[in-house]
Amino acid sequence: MVRFIGNPALAENDAFFTPWKKKFCQWITEGKVPYLMVHTADNTEAPELANHFYKLISEELATDEKPLPEIATLNPDRHGDQLSLL
């Protein structure tokens, strides 16, 4: 599991994603199931950033025999209070 705290200027994150993209592709090729938790300062851009990273690794693995499946659409416009753990 990797926790990535991204820059709210989304284009600035690609340089930081590069080594993680390589590592995630390696892990997936080895049959592992890595998890990435993406955060930004107020998490407003986090869904978009997570989708962007998934697209990067999907493109990298597109020539593989077993490409990544499509992911569900994340709903960044959903507002409301955080759910309680109780």
N, C-alpha and C. Protein backbone atom coordinates (compact mmCIF):
# COMPACT_ATOMS: atom_id res chain seq x y z
N MET A 1 0.85 -1.16 0.00
CA MET A 1 0.00 0.00 0.00
C MET A 1 0.90 1.23 0.00
N VAL A 2 0.58 2.16 -0.88
CA VAL A 2 1.34 3.39 -1.00
C VAL A 2 0.39 4.56 -0.75
N ARG A 3 0.82 5.48 0.05
CA ARG A 3 0.06 6.70 0.28
C ARG A 3 0.78 7.82 -0.44
N PHE A 4 0.11 8.46 -1.39
CA PHE A 4 0.70 9.51 -2.20
C PHE A 4 -0.02 10.82 -1.89
N ILE A 5 0.73 11.79 -1.43
CA ILE A 5 0.17 13.12 -1.16
C ILE A 5 0.62 14.02 -2.29
N GLY A 6 -0.34 14.37 -3.14
CA GLY A 6 -0.03 15.08 -4.36
C GLY A 6 -0.14 16.58 -4.25
N ASN A 7 0.48 17.21 -5.21
CA ASN A 7 0.42 18.65 -5.37
C ASN A 7 -0.93 19.01 -5.99
N PRO A 8 -1.61 20.05 -5.51
CA PRO A 8 -2.89 20.43 -6.12
C PRO A 8 -2.74 20.89 -7.57
N ALA A 9 -1.53 21.30 -7.97
CA ALA A 9 -1.26 21.59 -9.38
C ALA A 9 -0.96 20.24 -10.03
N LEU A 10 -1.98 19.63 -10.62
CA LEU A 10 -1.92 18.24 -11.03
C LEU A 10 -0.73 17.90 -11.93
N ALA A 11 -0.35 18.78 -12.82
CA ALA A 11 0.76 18.51 -13.73
C ALA A 11 2.09 18.35 -12.99
N GLU A 12 2.19 18.90 -11.80
CA GLU A 12 3.42 18.81 -11.02
C GLU A 12 3.66 17.40 -10.47
N ASN A 13 2.66 16.56 -10.48
CA ASN A 13 2.78 15.23 -9.88
C ASN A 13 3.42 14.19 -10.78
N ASP A 14 3.45 14.43 -12.09
CA ASP A 14 3.98 13.42 -13.00
C ASP A 14 5.41 13.03 -12.68
N ALA A 15 6.25 13.97 -12.32
CA ALA A 15 7.64 13.65 -11.98
C ALA A 15 7.71 12.74 -10.76
N PHE A 16 6.80 12.92 -9.82
CA PHE A 16 6.78 12.07 -8.62
C PHE A 16 6.12 10.72 -8.89
N PHE A 17 5.23 10.68 -9.89
CA PHE A 17 4.58 9.43 -10.26
C PHE A 17 5.52 8.49 -11.00
N THR A 18 6.52 9.01 -11.69
CA THR A 18 7.38 8.19 -12.55
C THR A 18 7.95 6.97 -11.83
N PRO A 19 8.63 7.11 -10.67
CA PRO A 19 9.16 5.90 -10.04
C PRO A 19 8.06 4.97 -9.52
N TRP A 20 6.93 5.54 -9.10
CA TRP A 20 5.84 4.70 -8.61
C TRP A 20 5.17 3.96 -9.76
N LYS A 21 5.07 4.61 -10.91
CA LYS A 21 4.50 3.94 -12.08
C LYS A 21 5.31 2.69 -12.41
N LYS A 22 6.62 2.82 -12.41
CA LYS A 22 7.50 1.69 -12.70
C LYS A 22 7.30 0.58 -11.67
N LYS A 23 7.25 0.95 -10.40
CA LYS A 23 7.12 -0.03 -9.32
C LYS A 23 5.75 -0.72 -9.37
N PHE A 24 4.68 0.05 -9.59
CA PHE A 24 3.35 -0.55 -9.66
C PHE A 24 3.25 -1.52 -10.84
N CYS A 25 3.81 -1.15 -11.99
CA CYS A 25 3.79 -2.04 -13.14
C CYS A 25 4.56 -3.33 -12.84
N GLN A 26 5.68 -3.20 -12.15
CA GLN A 26 6.45 -4.38 -11.76
C GLN A 26 5.62 -5.28 -10.86
N TRP A 27 5.02 -4.68 -9.83
CA TRP A 27 4.22 -5.46 -8.89
C TRP A 27 3.05 -6.16 -9.59
N ILE A 28 2.37 -5.44 -10.46
CA ILE A 28 1.22 -6.02 -11.17
C ILE A 28 1.67 -7.16 -12.07
N THR A 29 2.78 -6.97 -12.76
CA THR A 29 3.32 -8.02 -13.62
C THR A 29 3.69 -9.26 -12.81
N GLU A 30 4.12 -9.05 -11.57
CA GLU A 30 4.47 -10.17 -10.69
C GLU A 30 3.23 -10.83 -10.07
N GLY A 31 2.04 -10.30 -10.39
CA GLY A 31 0.81 -10.88 -9.87
C GLY A 31 0.37 -10.29 -8.54
N LYS A 32 1.05 -9.26 -8.09
CA LYS A 32 0.67 -8.61 -6.83
C LYS A 32 -0.46 -7.61 -7.09
N VAL A 33 -1.12 -7.21 -6.03
CA VAL A 33 -2.23 -6.25 -6.13
C VAL A 33 -1.90 -5.04 -5.25
N PRO A 34 -1.18 -4.07 -5.82
CA PRO A 34 -0.83 -2.90 -5.02
C PRO A 34 -2.03 -1.96 -4.86
N TYR A 35 -2.01 -1.21 -3.78
CA TYR A 35 -3.03 -0.21 -3.49
C TYR A 35 -2.37 1.15 -3.40
N LEU A 36 -3.05 2.16 -3.94
CA LEU A 36 -2.56 3.54 -3.88
C LEU A 36 -3.64 4.40 -3.25
N MET A 37 -3.29 5.07 -2.17
CA MET A 37 -4.19 6.05 -1.55
C MET A 37 -3.68 7.42 -1.97
N VAL A 38 -4.51 8.18 -2.63
CA VAL A 38 -4.11 9.49 -3.14
C VAL A 38 -4.78 10.58 -2.32
N HIS A 39 -3.98 11.54 -1.93
CA HIS A 39 -4.48 12.69 -1.18
C HIS A 39 -3.95 13.97 -1.81
N THR A 40 -4.68 15.04 -1.65
CA THR A 40 -4.20 16.39 -1.94
C THR A 40 -4.56 17.24 -0.73
N ALA A 41 -4.16 18.47 -0.74
CA ALA A 41 -4.34 19.33 0.45
C ALA A 41 -5.75 19.26 1.02
N ASP A 42 -6.76 19.42 0.18
CA ASP A 42 -8.13 19.32 0.67
C ASP A 42 -8.88 18.15 0.02
N ASN A 43 -8.15 17.31 -0.67
CA ASN A 43 -8.65 16.12 -1.37
C ASN A 43 -9.61 16.42 -2.51
N THR A 44 -9.77 17.66 -2.88
CA THR A 44 -10.64 18.01 -4.00
C THR A 44 -10.11 17.42 -5.30
N GLU A 45 -8.80 17.47 -5.50
CA GLU A 45 -8.20 16.97 -6.73
C GLU A 45 -7.82 15.49 -6.66
N ALA A 46 -7.98 14.85 -5.50
CA ALA A 46 -7.54 13.47 -5.31
C ALA A 46 -8.18 12.49 -6.31
N PRO A 47 -9.50 12.53 -6.56
CA PRO A 47 -10.06 11.58 -7.53
C PRO A 47 -9.46 11.74 -8.92
N GLU A 48 -9.29 12.97 -9.36
CA GLU A 48 -8.70 13.22 -10.68
C GLU A 48 -7.26 12.72 -10.74
N LEU A 49 -6.52 12.93 -9.67
CA LEU A 49 -5.14 12.49 -9.60
C LEU A 49 -5.06 10.96 -9.59
N ALA A 50 -5.95 10.31 -8.87
CA ALA A 50 -5.99 8.84 -8.85
C ALA A 50 -6.31 8.29 -10.24
N ASN A 51 -7.28 8.89 -10.91
CA ASN A 51 -7.60 8.47 -12.28
C ASN A 51 -6.42 8.65 -13.21
N HIS A 52 -5.70 9.75 -13.06
CA HIS A 52 -4.54 10.02 -13.90
C HIS A 52 -3.46 8.96 -13.70
N PHE A 53 -3.17 8.60 -12.45
CA PHE A 53 -2.17 7.57 -12.18
C PHE A 53 -2.60 6.23 -12.76
N TYR A 54 -3.87 5.89 -12.60
CA TYR A 54 -4.38 4.62 -13.14
C TYR A 54 -4.23 4.61 -14.66
N LYS A 55 -4.50 5.73 -15.29
CA LYS A 55 -4.35 5.83 -16.74
C LYS A 55 -2.88 5.61 -17.14
N LEU A 56 -1.96 6.20 -16.38
CA LEU A 56 -0.54 6.04 -16.68
C LEU A 56 -0.11 4.58 -16.62
N ILE A 57 -0.51 3.88 -15.57
CA ILE A 57 -0.07 2.48 -15.48
C ILE A 57 -0.85 1.61 -16.46
N SER A 58 -2.09 1.96 -16.75
CA SER A 58 -2.86 1.21 -17.75
C SER A 58 -2.21 1.29 -19.12
N GLU A 59 -1.75 2.49 -19.48
CA GLU A 59 -1.08 2.67 -20.76
C GLU A 59 0.23 1.88 -20.81
N GLU A 60 0.94 1.88 -19.71
CA GLU A 60 2.21 1.16 -19.63
C GLU A 60 1.99 -0.35 -19.77
N LEU A 61 0.91 -0.85 -19.21
CA LEU A 61 0.63 -2.29 -19.25
C LEU A 61 -0.25 -2.70 -20.42
N ALA A 62 -0.60 -1.76 -21.30
CA ALA A 62 -1.54 -2.04 -22.39
C ALA A 62 -1.02 -3.13 -23.32
N THR A 63 0.29 -3.26 -23.46
CA THR A 63 0.83 -4.28 -24.34
C THR A 63 0.94 -5.63 -23.64
N ASP A 64 0.70 -5.65 -22.35
CA ASP A 64 0.74 -6.89 -21.57
C ASP A 64 -0.43 -7.78 -21.99
N GLU A 65 -0.29 -9.07 -21.76
CA GLU A 65 -1.36 -10.01 -22.10
C GLU A 65 -2.61 -9.78 -21.26
N LYS A 66 -2.44 -9.20 -20.09
CA LYS A 66 -3.57 -9.01 -19.18
C LYS A 66 -3.65 -7.54 -18.79
N PRO A 67 -4.24 -6.69 -19.64
CA PRO A 67 -4.32 -5.27 -19.31
C PRO A 67 -5.21 -5.03 -18.09
N LEU A 68 -5.06 -3.88 -17.50
CA LEU A 68 -5.87 -3.53 -16.34
C LEU A 68 -7.32 -3.31 -16.74
N PRO A 69 -8.25 -3.67 -15.89
CA PRO A 69 -9.67 -3.44 -16.20
C PRO A 69 -10.00 -1.96 -16.06
N GLU A 70 -11.11 -1.59 -16.67
CA GLU A 70 -11.61 -0.23 -16.50
C GLU A 70 -12.01 -0.06 -15.04
N ILE A 71 -11.84 1.15 -14.53
CA ILE A 71 -12.26 1.39 -13.15
C ILE A 71 -13.58 2.14 -13.15
N ALA A 72 -14.27 2.02 -12.05
CA ALA A 72 -15.54 2.74 -11.89
C ALA A 72 -15.26 4.24 -11.91
N THR A 73 -16.21 4.98 -12.38
CA THR A 73 -16.09 6.42 -12.40
C THR A 73 -16.13 6.95 -10.98
N LEU A 74 -15.12 7.72 -10.63
CA LEU A 74 -15.10 8.35 -9.32
C LEU A 74 -15.94 9.60 -9.37
N ASN A 75 -16.65 9.89 -8.31
CA ASN A 75 -17.55 11.03 -8.29
C ASN A 75 -16.96 12.15 -7.44
N PRO A 76 -16.13 13.01 -8.05
CA PRO A 76 -15.51 14.08 -7.27
C PRO A 76 -16.48 15.18 -6.86
N ASP A 77 -17.69 15.19 -7.42
CA ASP A 77 -18.65 16.24 -7.10
C ASP A 77 -19.53 15.89 -5.91
N ARG A 78 -19.32 14.71 -5.35
CA ARG A 78 -20.14 14.31 -4.20
C ARG A 78 -19.71 15.09 -2.97
N HIS A 79 -20.61 15.83 -2.41
CA HIS A 79 -20.30 16.63 -1.23
C HIS A 79 -21.07 16.07 -0.04
N GLY A 80 -20.60 16.36 1.10
CA GLY A 80 -21.30 15.91 2.29
C GLY A 80 -20.32 15.66 3.40
N ASP A 81 -20.85 15.29 4.52
CA ASP A 81 -20.00 15.03 5.68
C ASP A 81 -19.30 13.69 5.53
N GLN A 82 -18.15 13.59 6.15
CA GLN A 82 -17.42 12.33 6.16
C GLN A 82 -18.24 11.31 6.93
N LEU A 83 -18.23 10.08 6.46
CA LEU A 83 -18.97 9.02 7.14
C LEU A 83 -18.34 8.70 8.47
N SER A 84 -19.14 8.33 9.41
CA SER A 84 -18.67 7.98 10.75
C SER A 84 -18.17 6.54 10.75
N LEU A 85 -17.21 6.26 11.58
CA LEU A 85 -16.73 4.89 11.75
C LEU A 85 -17.56 4.13 12.77
N LEU A 86 -18.48 4.80 13.40
CA LEU A 86 -19.33 4.16 14.42
C LEU A 86 -20.60 3.63 13.85
